[in-house]
Amino acid sequence: MTAETLITARAENEAAIERLKTAKSSDTWGTGYEELRMLTIV
């Protein structure tokens, strides 16, 4: 596993934690499918 992969995973996890904090504070629980997501398979 490269450092770049770990950096990307960390950024994605930190973003998910922020979304969780927002959902919890506003009591609005989205599905995660409200916007188009592009996934890249390496």
N, C-alpha and C. Protein backbone atom coordinates (compact mmCIF):
# COMPACT_ATOMS: atom_id res chain seq x y z
N MET A 1 0.85 -1.16 0.00
CA MET A 1 0.00 0.00 0.00
C MET A 1 0.90 1.23 0.00
N THR A 2 0.60 2.14 -0.90
CA THR A 2 1.45 3.33 -1.02
C THR A 2 1.00 4.42 -0.05
N ALA A 3 1.89 5.37 0.17
CA ALA A 3 1.56 6.52 1.02
C ALA A 3 0.40 7.31 0.41
N GLU A 4 0.37 7.41 -0.90
CA GLU A 4 -0.72 8.14 -1.57
C GLU A 4 -2.07 7.48 -1.29
N THR A 5 -2.12 6.16 -1.31
CA THR A 5 -3.35 5.43 -1.02
C THR A 5 -3.81 5.71 0.40
N LEU A 6 -2.89 5.71 1.33
CA LEU A 6 -3.22 5.98 2.73
C LEU A 6 -3.70 7.42 2.93
N ILE A 7 -3.07 8.34 2.25
CA ILE A 7 -3.48 9.75 2.34
C ILE A 7 -4.90 9.92 1.80
N THR A 8 -5.18 9.28 0.67
CA THR A 8 -6.52 9.35 0.08
C THR A 8 -7.56 8.74 1.01
N ALA A 9 -7.25 7.58 1.56
CA ALA A 9 -8.18 6.92 2.48
C ALA A 9 -8.41 7.77 3.72
N ARG A 10 -7.37 8.38 4.24
CA ARG A 10 -7.53 9.24 5.41
C ARG A 10 -8.44 10.42 5.11
N ALA A 11 -8.24 11.05 3.96
CA ALA A 11 -9.07 12.20 3.58
C ALA A 11 -10.53 11.79 3.43
N GLU A 12 -10.77 10.63 2.82
CA GLU A 12 -12.14 10.14 2.66
C GLU A 12 -12.77 9.85 4.03
N ASN A 13 -12.01 9.25 4.93
CA ASN A 13 -12.52 8.95 6.27
C ASN A 13 -12.80 10.22 7.07
N GLU A 14 -11.92 11.20 6.96
CA GLU A 14 -12.14 12.46 7.67
C GLU A 14 -13.38 13.17 7.14
N ALA A 15 -13.61 13.11 5.82
CA ALA A 15 -14.80 13.71 5.24
C ALA A 15 -16.06 12.98 5.73
N ALA A 16 -15.98 11.66 5.83
CA ALA A 16 -17.13 10.89 6.32
C ALA A 16 -17.44 11.23 7.77
N ILE A 17 -16.42 11.43 8.57
CA ILE A 17 -16.62 11.80 9.98
C ILE A 17 -17.30 13.17 10.07
N GLU A 18 -16.88 14.10 9.22
CA GLU A 18 -17.51 15.42 9.22
C GLU A 18 -18.98 15.33 8.80
N ARG A 19 -19.27 14.49 7.80
CA ARG A 19 -20.67 14.30 7.39
C ARG A 19 -21.48 13.69 8.54
N LEU A 20 -20.89 12.77 9.27
CA LEU A 20 -21.58 12.17 10.41
C LEU A 20 -21.86 13.20 11.49
N LYS A 21 -20.88 14.05 11.79
CA LYS A 21 -21.08 15.10 12.79
C LYS A 21 -22.21 16.04 12.38
N THR A 22 -22.23 16.41 11.10
CA THR A 22 -23.28 17.30 10.60
C THR A 22 -24.64 16.63 10.70
N ALA A 23 -24.72 15.38 10.30
CA ALA A 23 -25.99 14.65 10.36
C ALA A 23 -26.48 14.54 11.80
N LYS A 24 -25.57 14.23 12.69
CA LYS A 24 -25.96 14.07 14.10
C LYS A 24 -26.43 15.39 14.69
N SER A 25 -25.74 16.48 14.40
CA SER A 25 -26.11 17.77 14.98
C SER A 25 -27.42 18.32 14.40
N SER A 26 -27.70 18.00 13.13
CA SER A 26 -28.92 18.52 12.51
C SER A 26 -30.06 17.49 12.51
N ASP A 27 -29.75 16.28 12.96
CA ASP A 27 -30.71 15.17 12.97
C ASP A 27 -31.29 14.95 11.57
N THR A 28 -30.42 15.10 10.57
CA THR A 28 -30.78 14.84 9.17
C THR A 28 -29.86 13.76 8.65
N TRP A 29 -30.43 12.59 8.38
CA TRP A 29 -29.63 11.44 8.01
C TRP A 29 -29.84 11.12 6.53
N GLY A 30 -28.92 11.62 5.71
CA GLY A 30 -29.00 11.36 4.27
C GLY A 30 -28.64 9.93 3.94
N THR A 31 -28.94 9.54 2.72
CA THR A 31 -28.66 8.17 2.28
C THR A 31 -27.25 8.03 1.74
N GLY A 32 -26.64 9.16 1.40
CA GLY A 32 -25.33 9.10 0.74
C GLY A 32 -25.44 9.07 -0.77
N TYR A 33 -26.67 9.02 -1.26
CA TYR A 33 -26.91 8.98 -2.70
C TYR A 33 -27.56 10.26 -3.21
N GLU A 34 -27.52 11.32 -2.43
CA GLU A 34 -28.13 12.58 -2.84
C GLU A 34 -27.36 13.25 -3.98
N GLU A 35 -26.11 12.89 -4.14
CA GLU A 35 -25.31 13.47 -5.21
C GLU A 35 -24.54 12.36 -5.92
N LEU A 36 -24.17 12.61 -7.14
CA LEU A 36 -23.43 11.65 -7.94
C LEU A 36 -22.03 11.45 -7.38
N ARG A 37 -21.63 10.21 -7.20
CA ARG A 37 -20.28 9.91 -6.71
C ARG A 37 -19.55 9.13 -7.79
N MET A 38 -18.32 9.53 -8.05
CA MET A 38 -17.48 8.82 -9.01
C MET A 38 -16.46 7.98 -8.25
N LEU A 39 -16.47 6.69 -8.49
CA LEU A 39 -15.53 5.80 -7.82
C LEU A 39 -14.46 5.37 -8.82
N THR A 40 -13.23 5.38 -8.38
CA THR A 40 -12.12 4.96 -9.22
C THR A 40 -11.56 3.65 -8.67
N ILE A 41 -11.53 2.65 -9.51
CA ILE A 41 -10.98 1.35 -9.12
C ILE A 41 -9.55 1.28 -9.65
N VAL A 42 -8.65 1.05 -8.73
CA VAL A 42 -7.23 1.01 -9.10
C VAL A 42 -6.78 -0.42 -9.28
